Amino acid sequence: MIAAEVWHWWIGLVLTVVGVATVLATVAGYISKVTATKYPGRRNR
């Protein structure tokens, strides 16, 4: 039972980190796409 509790915390920690990273990557990708279309760089002019 002690091992099950320890694994429970590690799995929760890993899933939390992966979830936060996924949300941040999605927001960063969205912002970069919106900014790229609103303010095109020198290559796209």
PDB file of N, CA and C in Angstrom:
ATOM      1  N   MET A   1       0.806  -1.195   0.000  1.00  0.00           N
ATOM      2  CA  MET A   1       0.000   0.000   0.000  1.00  0.00           C
ATOM      3  C   MET A   1       0.853   1.266   0.000  1.00  0.00           C
ATOM      4  N   ILE A   2       2.006   1.204   0.619  1.00  0.00           N
ATOM      5  CA  ILE A   2       2.871   2.391   0.643  1.00  0.00           C
ATOM      6  C   ILE A   2       3.381   2.693  -0.768  1.00  0.00           C
ATOM      7  N   ALA A   3       3.757   1.650  -1.503  1.00  0.00           N
ATOM      8  CA  ALA A   3       4.243   1.863  -2.876  1.00  0.00           C
ATOM      9  C   ALA A   3       3.145   2.444  -3.757  1.00  0.00           C
ATOM     10  N   ALA A   4       1.914   2.021  -3.572  1.00  0.00           N
ATOM     11  CA  ALA A   4       0.814   2.550  -4.373  1.00  0.00           C
ATOM     12  C   ALA A   4       0.628   4.043  -4.111  1.00  0.00           C
ATOM     13  N   GLU A   5       0.770   4.446  -2.873  1.00  0.00           N
ATOM     14  CA  GLU A   5       0.610   5.863  -2.546  1.00  0.00           C
ATOM     15  C   GLU A   5       1.740   6.687  -3.151  1.00  0.00           C
ATOM     16  N   VAL A   6       2.957   6.165  -3.106  1.00  0.00           N
ATOM     17  CA  VAL A   6       4.099   6.882  -3.677  1.00  0.00           C
ATOM     18  C   VAL A   6       3.917   7.039  -5.190  1.00  0.00           C
ATOM     19  N   TRP A   7       3.527   5.963  -5.877  1.00  0.00           N
ATOM     20  CA  TRP A   7       3.320   6.051  -7.322  1.00  0.00           C
ATOM     21  C   TRP A   7       2.174   6.995  -7.654  1.00  0.00           C
ATOM     22  N   HIS A   8       1.188   7.040  -6.801  1.00  0.00           N
ATOM     23  CA  HIS A   8       0.062   7.950  -7.019  1.00  0.00           C
ATOM     24  C   HIS A   8       0.548   9.389  -7.080  1.00  0.00           C
ATOM     25  N   TRP A   9       1.430   9.770  -6.176  1.00  0.00           N
ATOM     26  CA  TRP A   9       1.939  11.141  -6.164  1.00  0.00           C
ATOM     27  C   TRP A   9       2.817  11.425  -7.369  1.00  0.00           C
ATOM     28  N   TRP A  10       3.659  10.462  -7.756  1.00  0.00           N
ATOM     29  CA  TRP A  10       4.538  10.674  -8.905  1.00  0.00           C
ATOM     30  C   TRP A  10       3.746  10.794 -10.198  1.00  0.00           C
ATOM     31  N   ILE A  11       2.735   9.959 -10.356  1.00  0.00           N
ATOM     32  CA  ILE A  11       1.911  10.036 -11.564  1.00  0.00           C
ATOM     33  C   ILE A  11       1.161  11.371 -11.597  1.00  0.00           C
ATOM     34  N   GLY A  12       0.662  11.800 -10.475  1.00  0.00           N
ATOM     35  CA  GLY A  12      -0.010  13.099 -10.406  1.00  0.00           C
ATOM     36  C   GLY A  12       0.927  14.245 -10.750  1.00  0.00           C
ATOM     37  N   LEU A  13       2.143  14.184 -10.252  1.00  0.00           N
ATOM     38  CA  LEU A  13       3.134  15.219 -10.538  1.00  0.00           C
ATOM     39  C   LEU A  13       3.473  15.249 -12.025  1.00  0.00           C
ATOM     40  N   VAL A  14       3.707  14.090 -12.608  1.00  0.00           N
ATOM     41  CA  VAL A  14       4.043  14.012 -14.032  1.00  0.00           C
ATOM     42  C   VAL A  14       2.885  14.525 -14.888  1.00  0.00           C
ATOM     43  N   LEU A  15       1.667  14.103 -14.574  1.00  0.00           N
ATOM     44  CA  LEU A  15       0.516  14.550 -15.349  1.00  0.00           C
ATOM     45  C   LEU A  15       0.290  16.057 -15.212  1.00  0.00           C
ATOM     46  N   THR A  16       0.551  16.598 -14.047  1.00  0.00           N
ATOM     47  CA  THR A  16       0.413  18.042 -13.849  1.00  0.00           C
ATOM     48  C   THR A  16       1.429  18.801 -14.685  1.00  0.00           C
ATOM     49  N   VAL A  17       2.663  18.360 -14.667  1.00  0.00           N
ATOM     50  CA  VAL A  17       3.713  19.027 -15.438  1.00  0.00           C
ATOM     51  C   VAL A  17       3.417  18.940 -16.936  1.00  0.00           C
ATOM     52  N   VAL A  18       3.003  17.769 -17.403  1.00  0.00           N
ATOM     53  CA  VAL A  18       2.678  17.597 -18.825  1.00  0.00           C
ATOM     54  C   VAL A  18       1.479  18.462 -19.203  1.00  0.00           C
ATOM     55  N   GLY A  19       0.477  18.527 -18.351  1.00  0.00           N
ATOM     56  CA  GLY A  19      -0.696  19.343 -18.632  1.00  0.00           C
ATOM     57  C   GLY A  19      -0.368  20.819 -18.712  1.00  0.00           C
ATOM     58  N   VAL A  20       0.430  21.311 -17.773  1.00  0.00           N
ATOM     59  CA  VAL A  20       0.815  22.720 -17.782  1.00  0.00           C
ATOM     60  C   VAL A  20       1.665  23.029 -19.018  1.00  0.00           C
ATOM     61  N   ALA A  21       2.589  22.135 -19.354  1.00  0.00           N
ATOM     62  CA  ALA A  21       3.425  22.349 -20.538  1.00  0.00           C
ATOM     63  C   ALA A  21       2.588  22.358 -21.809  1.00  0.00           C
ATOM     64  N   THR A  22       1.574  21.502 -21.885  1.00  0.00           N
ATOM     65  CA  THR A  22       0.703  21.464 -23.055  1.00  0.00           C
ATOM     66  C   THR A  22      -0.093  22.753 -23.191  1.00  0.00           C
ATOM     67  N   VAL A  23      -0.621  23.236 -22.095  1.00  0.00           N
ATOM     68  CA  VAL A  23      -1.387  24.483 -22.136  1.00  0.00           C
ATOM     69  C   VAL A  23      -0.490  25.651 -22.540  1.00  0.00           C
ATOM     70  N   LEU A  24       0.702  25.725 -21.978  1.00  0.00           N
ATOM     71  CA  LEU A  24       1.622  26.811 -22.321  1.00  0.00           C
ATOM     72  C   LEU A  24       2.048  26.739 -23.784  1.00  0.00           C
ATOM     73  N   ALA A  25       2.309  25.529 -24.287  1.00  0.00           N
ATOM     74  CA  ALA A  25       2.690  25.383 -25.693  1.00  0.00           C
ATOM     75  C   ALA A  25       1.546  25.774 -26.616  1.00  0.00           C
ATOM     76  N   THR A  26       0.322  25.422 -26.245  1.00  0.00           N
ATOM     77  CA  THR A  26      -0.839  25.789 -27.059  1.00  0.00           C
ATOM     78  C   THR A  26      -1.025  27.301 -27.084  1.00  0.00           C
ATOM     79  N   VAL A  27      -0.912  27.936 -25.934  1.00  0.00           N
ATOM     80  CA  VAL A  27      -1.063  29.396 -25.867  1.00  0.00           C
ATOM     81  C   VAL A  27       0.064  30.076 -26.639  1.00  0.00           C
ATOM     82  N   ALA A  28       1.287  29.607 -26.493  1.00  0.00           N
ATOM     83  CA  ALA A  28       2.413  30.210 -27.203  1.00  0.00           C
ATOM     84  C   ALA A  28       2.257  30.030 -28.718  1.00  0.00           C
ATOM     85  N   GLY A  29       1.817  28.872 -29.146  1.00  0.00           N
ATOM     86  CA  GLY A  29       1.594  28.644 -30.571  1.00  0.00           C
ATOM     87  C   GLY A  29       0.500  29.521 -31.126  1.00  0.00           C
ATOM     88  N   TYR A  30      -0.568  29.668 -30.389  1.00  0.00           N
ATOM     89  CA  TYR A  30      -1.675  30.523 -30.820  1.00  0.00           C
ATOM     90  C   TYR A  30      -1.222  31.976 -30.930  1.00  0.00           C
ATOM     91  N   ILE A  31      -0.528  32.446 -29.906  1.00  0.00           N
ATOM     92  CA  ILE A  31      -0.074  33.840 -29.915  1.00  0.00           C
ATOM     93  C   ILE A  31       0.911  34.067 -31.055  1.00  0.00           C
ATOM     94  N   SER A  32       1.807  33.111 -31.293  1.00  0.00           N
ATOM     95  CA  SER A  32       2.771  33.296 -32.375  1.00  0.00           C
ATOM     96  C   SER A  32       2.088  33.299 -33.732  1.00  0.00           C
ATOM     97  N   LYS A  33       1.075  32.472 -33.925  1.00  0.00           N
ATOM     98  CA  LYS A  33       0.349  32.468 -35.198  1.00  0.00           C
ATOM     99  C   LYS A  33      -0.424  33.764 -35.386  1.00  0.00           C
ATOM    100  N   VAL A  34      -1.084  34.239 -34.354  1.00  0.00           N
ATOM    101  CA  VAL A  34      -1.860  35.475 -34.459  1.00  0.00           C
ATOM    102  C   VAL A  34      -0.928  36.658 -34.688  1.00  0.00           C
ATOM    103  N   THR A  35       0.176  36.707 -33.979  1.00  0.00           N
ATOM    104  CA  THR A  35       1.131  37.800 -34.139  1.00  0.00           C
ATOM    105  C   THR A  35       1.777  37.748 -35.520  1.00  0.00           C
ATOM    106  N   ALA A  36       2.067  36.553 -36.021  1.00  0.00           N
ATOM    107  CA  ALA A  36       2.701  36.427 -37.329  1.00  0.00           C
ATOM    108  C   ALA A  36       1.784  36.939 -38.431  1.00  0.00           C
ATOM    109  N   THR A  37       0.489  36.733 -38.312  1.00  0.00           N
ATOM    110  CA  THR A  37      -0.420  37.223 -39.342  1.00  0.00           C
ATOM    111  C   THR A  37      -0.692  38.719 -39.182  1.00  0.00           C
ATOM    112  N   LYS A  38      -0.647  39.214 -37.968  1.00  0.00           N
ATOM    113  CA  LYS A  38      -0.930  40.636 -37.746  1.00  0.00           C
ATOM    114  C   LYS A  38       0.284  41.508 -38.067  1.00  0.00           C
ATOM    115  N   TYR A  39       1.472  41.037 -37.683  1.00  0.00           N
ATOM    116  CA  TYR A  39       2.702  41.772 -37.931  1.00  0.00           C
ATOM    117  C   TYR A  39       3.668  40.880 -38.704  1.00  0.00           C
ATOM    118  N   PRO A  40       3.548  40.851 -40.025  1.00  0.00           N
ATOM    119  CA  PRO A  40       4.446  39.974 -40.796  1.00  0.00           C
ATOM    120  C   PRO A  40       5.890  40.477 -40.744  1.00  0.00           C
ATOM    121  N   GLY A  41       6.811  39.547 -40.777  1.00  0.00           N
ATOM    122  CA  GLY A  41       8.234  39.903 -40.745  1.00  0.00           C
ATOM    123  C   GLY A  41       8.713  40.356 -42.111  1.00  0.00           C
ATOM    124  N   ARG A  42      10.012  40.539 -42.237  1.00  0.00           N
ATOM    125  CA  ARG A  42      10.587  41.001 -43.499  1.00  0.00           C
ATOM    126  C   ARG A  42      10.427  39.970 -44.601  1.00  0.00           C
ATOM    127  N   ARG A  43      10.432  38.688 -44.253  1.00  0.00           N
ATOM    128  CA  ARG A  43      10.325  37.634 -45.256  1.00  0.00           C
ATOM    129  C   ARG A  43       8.951  37.636 -45.921  1.00  0.00           C
ATOM    130  N   ASN A  44       7.905  37.986 -45.191  1.00  0.00           N
ATOM    131  CA  ASN A  44       6.547  37.861 -45.694  1.00  0.00           C
ATOM    132  C   ASN A  44       5.975  39.135 -46.311  1.00  0.00           C
ATOM    133  N   ARG A  45       6.769  40.160 -46.421  1.00  0.00           N
ATOM    134  CA  ARG A  45       6.234  41.425 -46.939  1.00  0.00           C
ATOM    135  C   ARG A  45       6.156  41.445 -48.420  1.00  0.00           C
TER     136      ARG A  45
END
